């Protein structure tokens, strides 16, 4: 990476730099190995799922680095805040992305019911490009039951809905629509997928203390609307 590469943004664990007009580099600050993430994204791209293009790593490149195709467009969250997309429409897009993802066969699991899971699919991880929505940030991807993916997305929306932030009302509306479109009854699986999602969020080291305090109310909201 050259000294002139432009920092495009920083997330909780990684920084994204522009390499040129076509490619960006995402580098984990905490030493996370991006190899498995790249492999999953390559597999999904081959299956026709909307993910950024992946460029093979150059010999000797740090395993923390992931070079991806540069995307044009706002995140779904940014578009919703500007009123370019309604909370309900955003939820319909999220639901469609989850449905499509879980319709694909698992990459490596021998279980016939397992699927590739994103486990962090929410409006900030969807880019609304001119060609359509593209899902980014596959750092938490695993293979497992689709219900866990639905529960995690619902819980994350619920966290914002109970937060008191300006986008709280929109997140509540999006959550209600997402739960209506879900292929699993998230409320009925409170001792299974929703409980697992809650435990994972509570253990997430990138969440602040205030965000952790929202989790109980967020769980209650998912059960109420589900």
C-alpha atoms as a PDB file:
ATOM      1  CA  UNK A   1       0.000   0.000   0.000  1.00  0.00           C
ATOM      2  CA  UNK A   2       1.474   3.301  -1.065  1.00  0.00           C
ATOM      3  CA  UNK A   3       1.756   6.479   0.937  1.00  0.00           C
ATOM      4  CA  UNK A   4      -0.762   8.206  -1.372  1.00  0.00           C
ATOM      5  CA  UNK A   5      -3.602   5.705  -0.870  1.00  0.00           C
ATOM      6  CA  UNK A   6      -6.677   7.523   0.418  1.00  0.00           C
ATOM      7  CA  UNK A   7      -8.382   6.533   3.637  1.00  0.00           C
ATOM      8  CA  UNK A   8     -12.060   6.154   2.746  1.00  0.00           C
ATOM      9  CA  UNK A   9     -13.375   5.164   6.146  1.00  0.00           C
ATOM     10  CA  UNK A  10     -12.765   3.416   9.441  1.00  0.00           C
ATOM     11  CA  UNK A  11     -15.018   0.902  11.138  1.00  0.00           C
ATOM     12  CA  UNK A  12     -14.834  -0.710  14.542  1.00  0.00           C
ATOM     13  CA  UNK A  13     -12.077  -3.116  13.549  1.00  0.00           C
ATOM     14  CA  UNK A  14     -10.778  -2.133  10.104  1.00  0.00           C
ATOM     15  CA  UNK A  15      -9.775   0.739   7.827  1.00  0.00           C
ATOM     16  CA  UNK A  16     -10.640   1.019   4.126  1.00  0.00           C
ATOM     17  CA  UNK A  17      -8.261   2.663   1.642  1.00  0.00           C
ATOM     18  CA  UNK A  18      -8.759   3.535  -2.029  1.00  0.00           C
ATOM     19  CA  UNK A  19      -6.074   1.883  -4.157  1.00  0.00           C
ATOM     20  CA  UNK A  20      -7.431   3.400  -7.391  1.00  0.00           C
ATOM     21  CA  UNK A  21     -10.794   4.012  -9.056  1.00  0.00           C
ATOM     22  CA  UNK A  22     -11.490   0.266  -9.257  1.00  0.00           C
ATOM     23  CA  UNK A  23     -10.145  -1.334  -6.060  1.00  0.00           C
ATOM     24  CA  UNK A  24     -10.110  -0.688  -2.322  1.00  0.00           C
ATOM     25  CA  UNK A  25      -8.121  -2.320   0.431  1.00  0.00           C
ATOM     26  CA  UNK A  26      -9.641  -3.169   3.791  1.00  0.00           C
ATOM     27  CA  UNK A  27      -7.077  -3.776   6.534  1.00  0.00           C
ATOM     28  CA  UNK A  28      -7.956  -5.138   9.960  1.00  0.00           C
ATOM     29  CA  UNK A  29      -6.342  -3.194  12.775  1.00  0.00           C
ATOM     30  CA  UNK A  30      -6.699  -6.030  15.301  1.00  0.00           C
ATOM     31  CA  UNK A  31      -4.782  -8.650  13.320  1.00  0.00           C
ATOM     32  CA  UNK A  32      -7.857 -10.551  12.073  1.00  0.00           C
ATOM     33  CA  UNK A  33      -7.027 -12.967   9.244  1.00  0.00           C
ATOM     34  CA  UNK A  34      -9.184 -12.087   6.215  1.00  0.00           C
ATOM     35  CA  UNK A  35      -8.443 -15.292   4.271  1.00  0.00           C
ATOM     36  CA  UNK A  36     -11.647 -17.165   5.172  1.00  0.00           C
ATOM     37  CA  UNK A  37     -13.730 -14.058   4.576  1.00  0.00           C
ATOM     38  CA  UNK A  38     -12.236 -13.700   1.096  1.00  0.00           C
ATOM     39  CA  UNK A  39     -12.931 -17.373   0.356  1.00  0.00           C
ATOM     40  CA  UNK A  40     -16.596 -17.047   1.383  1.00  0.00           C
ATOM     41  CA  UNK A  41     -17.079 -13.883  -0.671  1.00  0.00           C
ATOM     42  CA  UNK A  42     -15.479 -15.537  -3.701  1.00  0.00           C
ATOM     43  CA  UNK A  43     -17.819 -18.513  -3.322  1.00  0.00           C
ATOM     44  CA  UNK A  44     -20.882 -16.271  -3.009  1.00  0.00           C
ATOM     45  CA  UNK A  45     -19.843 -14.223  -6.032  1.00  0.00           C
ATOM     46  CA  UNK A  46     -19.553 -17.435  -8.058  1.00  0.00           C
ATOM     47  CA  UNK A  47     -23.104 -18.287  -6.945  1.00  0.00           C
ATOM     48  CA  UNK A  48     -24.365 -14.926  -8.182  1.00  0.00           C
ATOM     49  CA  UNK A  49     -24.873 -13.370  -4.743  1.00  0.00           C
ATOM     50  CA  UNK A  50     -24.248  -9.584  -4.616  1.00  0.00           C
ATOM     51  CA  UNK A  51     -20.896  -9.141  -2.870  1.00  0.00           C
ATOM     52  CA  UNK A  52     -17.888  -6.991  -3.821  1.00  0.00           C
ATOM     53  CA  UNK A  53     -15.413  -8.533  -6.242  1.00  0.00           C
ATOM     54  CA  UNK A  54     -12.347 -10.019  -4.562  1.00  0.00           C
ATOM     55  CA  UNK A  55      -8.848  -9.665  -6.003  1.00  0.00           C
ATOM     56  CA  UNK A  56      -6.505 -12.565  -5.160  1.00  0.00           C
ATOM     57  CA  UNK A  57      -3.916 -11.660  -2.563  1.00  0.00           C
ATOM     58  CA  UNK A  58      -0.452 -10.863  -3.851  1.00  0.00           C
ATOM     59  CA  UNK A  59       2.428 -13.044  -2.619  1.00  0.00           C
ATOM     60  CA  UNK A  60       3.610 -11.818   0.768  1.00  0.00           C
ATOM     61  CA  UNK A  61       0.575  -9.589   1.349  1.00  0.00           C
ATOM     62  CA  UNK A  62      -0.524  -9.337   5.002  1.00  0.00           C
ATOM     63  CA  UNK A  63      -3.309 -11.788   5.846  1.00  0.00           C
ATOM     64  CA  UNK A  64      -5.134  -8.868   7.468  1.00  0.00           C
ATOM     65  CA  UNK A  65      -5.665  -7.312   4.026  1.00  0.00           C
ATOM     66  CA  UNK A  66      -8.615  -7.809   1.695  1.00  0.00           C
ATOM     67  CA  UNK A  67      -8.634  -6.151  -1.744  1.00  0.00           C
ATOM     68  CA  UNK A  68     -12.158  -5.658  -3.089  1.00  0.00           C
ATOM     69  CA  UNK A  69     -13.890  -3.971  -5.978  1.00  0.00           C
ATOM     70  CA  UNK A  70     -14.751  -0.358  -5.248  1.00  0.00           C
ATOM     71  CA  UNK A  71     -18.492   0.268  -4.890  1.00  0.00           C
ATOM     72  CA  UNK A  72     -20.424   3.418  -5.763  1.00  0.00           C
ATOM     73  CA  UNK A  73     -23.471   4.443  -3.764  1.00  0.00           C
ATOM     74  CA  UNK A  74     -24.661   5.144  -0.216  1.00  0.00           C
ATOM     75  CA  UNK A  75     -25.165   2.614   2.491  1.00  0.00           C
ATOM     76  CA  UNK A  76     -28.791   1.691   3.056  1.00  0.00           C
ATOM     77  CA  UNK A  77     -28.573   3.470   6.416  1.00  0.00           C
ATOM     78  CA  UNK A  78     -27.412   6.696   4.760  1.00  0.00           C
ATOM     79  CA  UNK A  79     -30.148   6.457   2.135  1.00  0.00           C
ATOM     80  CA  UNK A  80     -32.782   5.911   4.832  1.00  0.00           C
ATOM     81  CA  UNK A  81     -31.573   8.893   6.856  1.00  0.00           C
ATOM     82  CA  UNK A  82     -31.910  11.086   3.736  1.00  0.00           C
ATOM     83  CA  UNK A  83     -35.371   9.732   3.006  1.00  0.00           C
ATOM     84  CA  UNK A  84     -34.248   8.144  -0.269  1.00  0.00           C
ATOM     85  CA  UNK A  85     -35.571   4.782   0.939  1.00  0.00           C
ATOM     86  CA  UNK A  86     -38.301   4.139   3.500  1.00  0.00           C
ATOM     87  CA  UNK A  87     -37.646   1.952   6.558  1.00  0.00           C
ATOM     88  CA  UNK A  88     -40.164  -0.549   5.231  1.00  0.00           C
ATOM     89  CA  UNK A  89     -38.494  -0.722   1.824  1.00  0.00           C
ATOM     90  CA  UNK A  90     -35.105  -1.117   3.507  1.00  0.00           C
ATOM     91  CA  UNK A  91     -36.460  -4.061   5.476  1.00  0.00           C
ATOM     92  CA  UNK A  92     -37.869  -5.650   2.317  1.00  0.00           C
ATOM     93  CA  UNK A  93     -34.403  -5.419   0.745  1.00  0.00           C
ATOM     94  CA  UNK A  94     -32.793  -6.945   3.840  1.00  0.00           C
ATOM     95  CA  UNK A  95     -35.334  -9.767   3.842  1.00  0.00           C
ATOM     96  CA  UNK A  96     -34.740 -10.463   0.161  1.00  0.00           C
ATOM     97  CA  UNK A  97     -30.977 -10.549   0.720  1.00  0.00           C
ATOM     98  CA  UNK A  98     -31.405 -13.021   3.585  1.00  0.00           C
ATOM     99  CA  UNK A  99     -33.828 -15.180   1.575  1.00  0.00           C
ATOM    100  CA  UNK A 100     -31.446 -15.262  -1.395  1.00  0.00           C
ATOM    101  CA  UNK A 101     -28.406 -16.025   0.749  1.00  0.00           C
ATOM    102  CA  UNK A 102     -30.094 -18.906   2.532  1.00  0.00           C
ATOM    103  CA  UNK A 103     -31.318 -20.408  -0.738  1.00  0.00           C
ATOM    104  CA  UNK A 104     -27.696 -21.180  -1.656  1.00  0.00           C
ATOM    105  CA  UNK A 105     -26.014 -24.414  -0.562  1.00  0.00           C
ATOM    106  CA  UNK A 106     -23.464 -24.238   2.218  1.00  0.00           C
ATOM    107  CA  UNK A 107     -19.855 -24.006   1.058  1.00  0.00           C
ATOM    108  CA  UNK A 108     -18.364 -26.640   3.360  1.00  0.00           C
ATOM    109  CA  UNK A 109     -20.855 -27.913   5.959  1.00  0.00           C
ATOM    110  CA  UNK A 110     -22.051 -31.503   5.605  1.00  0.00           C
ATOM    111  CA  UNK A 111     -25.400 -30.680   7.217  1.00  0.00           C
ATOM    112  CA  UNK A 112     -28.160 -30.341   4.590  1.00  0.00           C
ATOM    113  CA  UNK A 113     -29.872 -27.615   6.641  1.00  0.00           C
ATOM    114  CA  UNK A 114     -26.823 -25.396   7.129  1.00  0.00           C
ATOM    115  CA  UNK A 115     -26.341 -22.311   4.986  1.00  0.00           C
ATOM    116  CA  UNK A 116     -23.810 -19.496   4.686  1.00  0.00           C
ATOM    117  CA  UNK A 117     -24.725 -16.876   7.312  1.00  0.00           C
ATOM    118  CA  UNK A 118     -23.705 -13.228   7.346  1.00  0.00           C
ATOM    119  CA  UNK A 119     -24.525 -12.619  11.032  1.00  0.00           C
ATOM    120  CA  UNK A 120     -24.238  -8.834  10.757  1.00  0.00           C
ATOM    121  CA  UNK A 121     -26.658  -7.987   7.963  1.00  0.00           C
ATOM    122  CA  UNK A 122     -28.137  -4.571   8.693  1.00  0.00           C
ATOM    123  CA  UNK A 123     -28.534  -1.274   6.793  1.00  0.00           C
ATOM    124  CA  UNK A 124     -24.948  -0.125   7.317  1.00  0.00           C
ATOM    125  CA  UNK A 125     -23.653  -3.272   5.619  1.00  0.00           C
ATOM    126  CA  UNK A 126     -25.666  -2.892   2.412  1.00  0.00           C
ATOM    127  CA  UNK A 127     -24.433  -0.543  -0.322  1.00  0.00           C
ATOM    128  CA  UNK A 128     -27.118   0.683  -2.723  1.00  0.00           C
ATOM    129  CA  UNK A 129     -25.154   0.713  -5.976  1.00  0.00           C
ATOM    130  CA  UNK A 130     -26.616   1.668  -9.383  1.00  0.00           C
ATOM    131  CA  UNK A 131     -26.608  -2.073 -10.187  1.00  0.00           C
ATOM    132  CA  UNK A 132     -28.495  -2.991  -7.004  1.00  0.00           C
ATOM    133  CA  UNK A 133     -27.827  -3.716  -3.319  1.00  0.00           C
ATOM    134  CA  UNK A 134     -24.442  -5.236  -2.452  1.00  0.00           C
ATOM    135  CA  UNK A 135     -23.678  -6.842   0.914  1.00  0.00           C
ATOM    136  CA  UNK A 136     -20.372  -5.933   2.554  1.00  0.00           C
ATOM    137  CA  UNK A 137     -18.457  -6.824   5.743  1.00  0.00           C
ATOM    138  CA  UNK A 138     -18.424 -10.624   5.924  1.00  0.00           C
ATOM    139  CA  UNK A 139     -16.082 -10.704   8.934  1.00  0.00           C
ATOM    140  CA  UNK A 140     -18.593 -12.613  11.076  1.00  0.00           C
ATOM    141  CA  UNK A 141     -19.671 -15.134   8.442  1.00  0.00           C
ATOM    142  CA  UNK A 142     -20.244 -18.744   9.486  1.00  0.00           C
ATOM    143  CA  UNK A 143     -22.276 -21.712   8.297  1.00  0.00           C
ATOM    144  CA  UNK A 144     -25.288 -22.730  10.345  1.00  0.00           C
ATOM    145  CA  UNK A 145     -29.081 -22.446  10.670  1.00  0.00           C
ATOM    146  CA  UNK A 146     -30.698 -19.555   8.753  1.00  0.00           C
ATOM    147  CA  UNK A 147     -32.807 -18.688  11.799  1.00  0.00           C
ATOM    148  CA  UNK A 148     -29.705 -17.378  13.554  1.00  0.00           C
ATOM    149  CA  UNK A 149     -29.069 -14.929  10.705  1.00  0.00           C
ATOM    150  CA  UNK A 150     -32.668 -13.643  10.854  1.00  0.00           C
ATOM    151  CA  UNK A 151     -32.471 -13.321  14.638  1.00  0.00           C
ATOM    152  CA  UNK A 152     -29.192 -11.412  14.495  1.00  0.00           C
ATOM    153  CA  UNK A 153     -30.491  -8.928  11.916  1.00  0.00           C
ATOM    154  CA  UNK A 154     -33.698  -8.440  13.903  1.00  0.00           C
ATOM    155  CA  UNK A 155     -31.808  -7.898  17.143  1.00  0.00           C
ATOM    156  CA  UNK A 156     -29.479  -5.319  15.599  1.00  0.00           C
ATOM    157  CA  UNK A 157     -32.428  -3.351  14.209  1.00  0.00           C
ATOM    158  CA  UNK A 158     -34.114  -3.592  17.617  1.00  0.00           C
ATOM    159  CA  UNK A 159     -31.015  -2.227  19.363  1.00  0.00           C
ATOM    160  CA  UNK A 160     -31.285   0.939  17.290  1.00  0.00           C
ATOM    161  CA  UNK A 161     -35.060   1.054  17.801  1.00  0.00           C
ATOM    162  CA  UNK A 162     -34.674   1.204  21.610  1.00  0.00           C
ATOM    163  CA  UNK A 163     -31.615   3.454  21.579  1.00  0.00           C
ATOM    164  CA  UNK A 164     -33.357   6.829  21.504  1.00  0.00           C
ATOM    165  CA  UNK A 165     -31.221   7.860  18.529  1.00  0.00           C
ATOM    166  CA  UNK A 166     -32.804   9.901  15.687  1.00  0.00           C
ATOM    167  CA  UNK A 167     -33.168   6.780  13.541  1.00  0.00           C
ATOM    168  CA  UNK A 168     -34.920   4.789  16.296  1.00  0.00           C
ATOM    169  CA  UNK A 169     -38.451   5.146  14.900  1.00  0.00           C
ATOM    170  CA  UNK A 170     -37.343   4.112  11.427  1.00  0.00           C
ATOM    171  CA  UNK A 171     -35.538   1.081  12.811  1.00  0.00           C
ATOM    172  CA  UNK A 172     -38.664   0.000  14.674  1.00  0.00           C
ATOM    173  CA  UNK A 173     -40.699   0.215  11.460  1.00  0.00           C
ATOM    174  CA  UNK A 174     -38.013  -1.702   9.575  1.00  0.00           C
ATOM    175  CA  UNK A 175     -37.932  -4.360  12.282  1.00  0.00           C
ATOM    176  CA  UNK A 176     -41.692  -4.898  12.108  1.00  0.00           C
ATOM    177  CA  UNK A 177     -41.494  -5.379   8.340  1.00  0.00           C
ATOM    178  CA  UNK A 178     -38.470  -7.682   8.565  1.00  0.00           C
ATOM    179  CA  UNK A 179     -40.209  -9.931  11.073  1.00  0.00           C
ATOM    180  CA  UNK A 180     -43.272 -10.091   8.833  1.00  0.00           C
ATOM    181  CA  UNK A 181     -41.097 -11.224   5.912  1.00  0.00           C
ATOM    182  CA  UNK A 182     -38.970 -13.661   7.928  1.00  0.00           C
ATOM    183  CA  UNK A 183     -38.956 -17.323   6.969  1.00  0.00           C
ATOM    184  CA  UNK A 184     -38.636 -18.282  10.635  1.00  0.00           C
ATOM    185  CA  UNK A 185     -40.727 -17.277  13.622  1.00  0.00           C
ATOM    186  CA  UNK A 186     -38.048 -15.390  15.521  1.00  0.00           C
ATOM    187  CA  UNK A 187     -40.336 -14.866  18.517  1.00  0.00           C
ATOM    188  CA  UNK A 188     -41.036 -18.563  18.855  1.00  0.00           C
ATOM    189  CA  UNK A 189     -37.325 -19.349  18.925  1.00  0.00           C
ATOM    190  CA  UNK A 190     -36.455 -17.135  21.867  1.00  0.00           C
ATOM    191  CA  UNK A 191     -34.695 -20.021  23.602  1.00  0.00           C
ATOM    192  CA  UNK A 192     -32.814 -20.894  20.434  1.00  0.00           C
ATOM    193  CA  UNK A 193     -31.798 -18.459  17.689  1.00  0.00           C
ATOM    194  CA  UNK A 194     -32.743 -15.213  19.409  1.00  0.00           C
ATOM    195  CA  UNK A 195     -31.058 -16.298  22.637  1.00  0.00           C
ATOM    196  CA  UNK A 196     -27.935 -17.228  20.688  1.00  0.00           C
ATOM    197  CA  UNK A 197     -27.969 -13.895  18.876  1.00  0.00           C
ATOM    198  CA  UNK A 198     -28.329 -12.075  22.187  1.00  0.00           C
ATOM    199  CA  UNK A 199     -25.408 -13.974  23.712  1.00  0.00           C
ATOM    200  CA  UNK A 200     -23.203 -13.210  20.733  1.00  0.00           C
ATOM    201  CA  UNK A 201     -24.043  -9.514  20.783  1.00  0.00           C
ATOM    202  CA  UNK A 202     -23.414  -9.296  24.524  1.00  0.00           C
ATOM    203  CA  UNK A 203     -19.990 -10.896  24.044  1.00  0.00           C
ATOM    204  CA  UNK A 204     -19.057  -8.658  21.113  1.00  0.00           C
ATOM    205  CA  UNK A 205     -15.977  -6.677  22.223  1.00  0.00           C
ATOM    206  CA  UNK A 206     -16.704  -3.851  19.773  1.00  0.00           C
ATOM    207  CA  UNK A 207     -19.990  -2.912  21.484  1.00  0.00           C
ATOM    208  CA  UNK A 208     -19.850  -0.057  23.945  1.00  0.00           C
ATOM    209  CA  UNK A 209     -21.306  -0.276  27.444  1.00  0.00           C
ATOM    210  CA  UNK A 210     -24.375   1.737  26.407  1.00  0.00           C
ATOM    211  CA  UNK A 211     -25.029  -0.578  23.474  1.00  0.00           C
ATOM    212  CA  UNK A 212     -24.832  -3.634  25.732  1.00  0.00           C
ATOM    213  CA  UNK A 213     -27.429  -2.044  28.024  1.00  0.00           C
ATOM    214  CA  UNK A 214     -29.855  -1.825  25.081  1.00  0.00           C
ATOM    215  CA  UNK A 215     -29.812  -5.577  24.490  1.00  0.00           C
ATOM    216  CA  UNK A 216     -32.468  -6.643  26.992  1.00  0.00           C
ATOM    217  CA  UNK A 217     -34.961  -4.075  25.733  1.00  0.00           C
ATOM    218  CA  UNK A 218     -34.042  -4.997  22.150  1.00  0.00           C
ATOM    219  CA  UNK A 219     -34.810  -8.651  22.813  1.00  0.00           C
ATOM    220  CA  UNK A 220     -38.165  -7.730  24.323  1.00  0.00           C
ATOM    221  CA  UNK A 221     -39.012  -5.622  21.266  1.00  0.00           C
ATOM    222  CA  UNK A 222     -38.213  -8.479  18.869  1.00  0.00           C
ATOM    223  CA  UNK A 223     -40.495 -10.772  20.861  1.00  0.00           C
ATOM    224  CA  UNK A 224     -43.223  -8.120  20.988  1.00  0.00           C
ATOM    225  CA  UNK A 225     -43.220  -7.436  17.248  1.00  0.00           C
ATOM    226  CA  UNK A 226     -42.530 -11.037  16.241  1.00  0.00           C
END
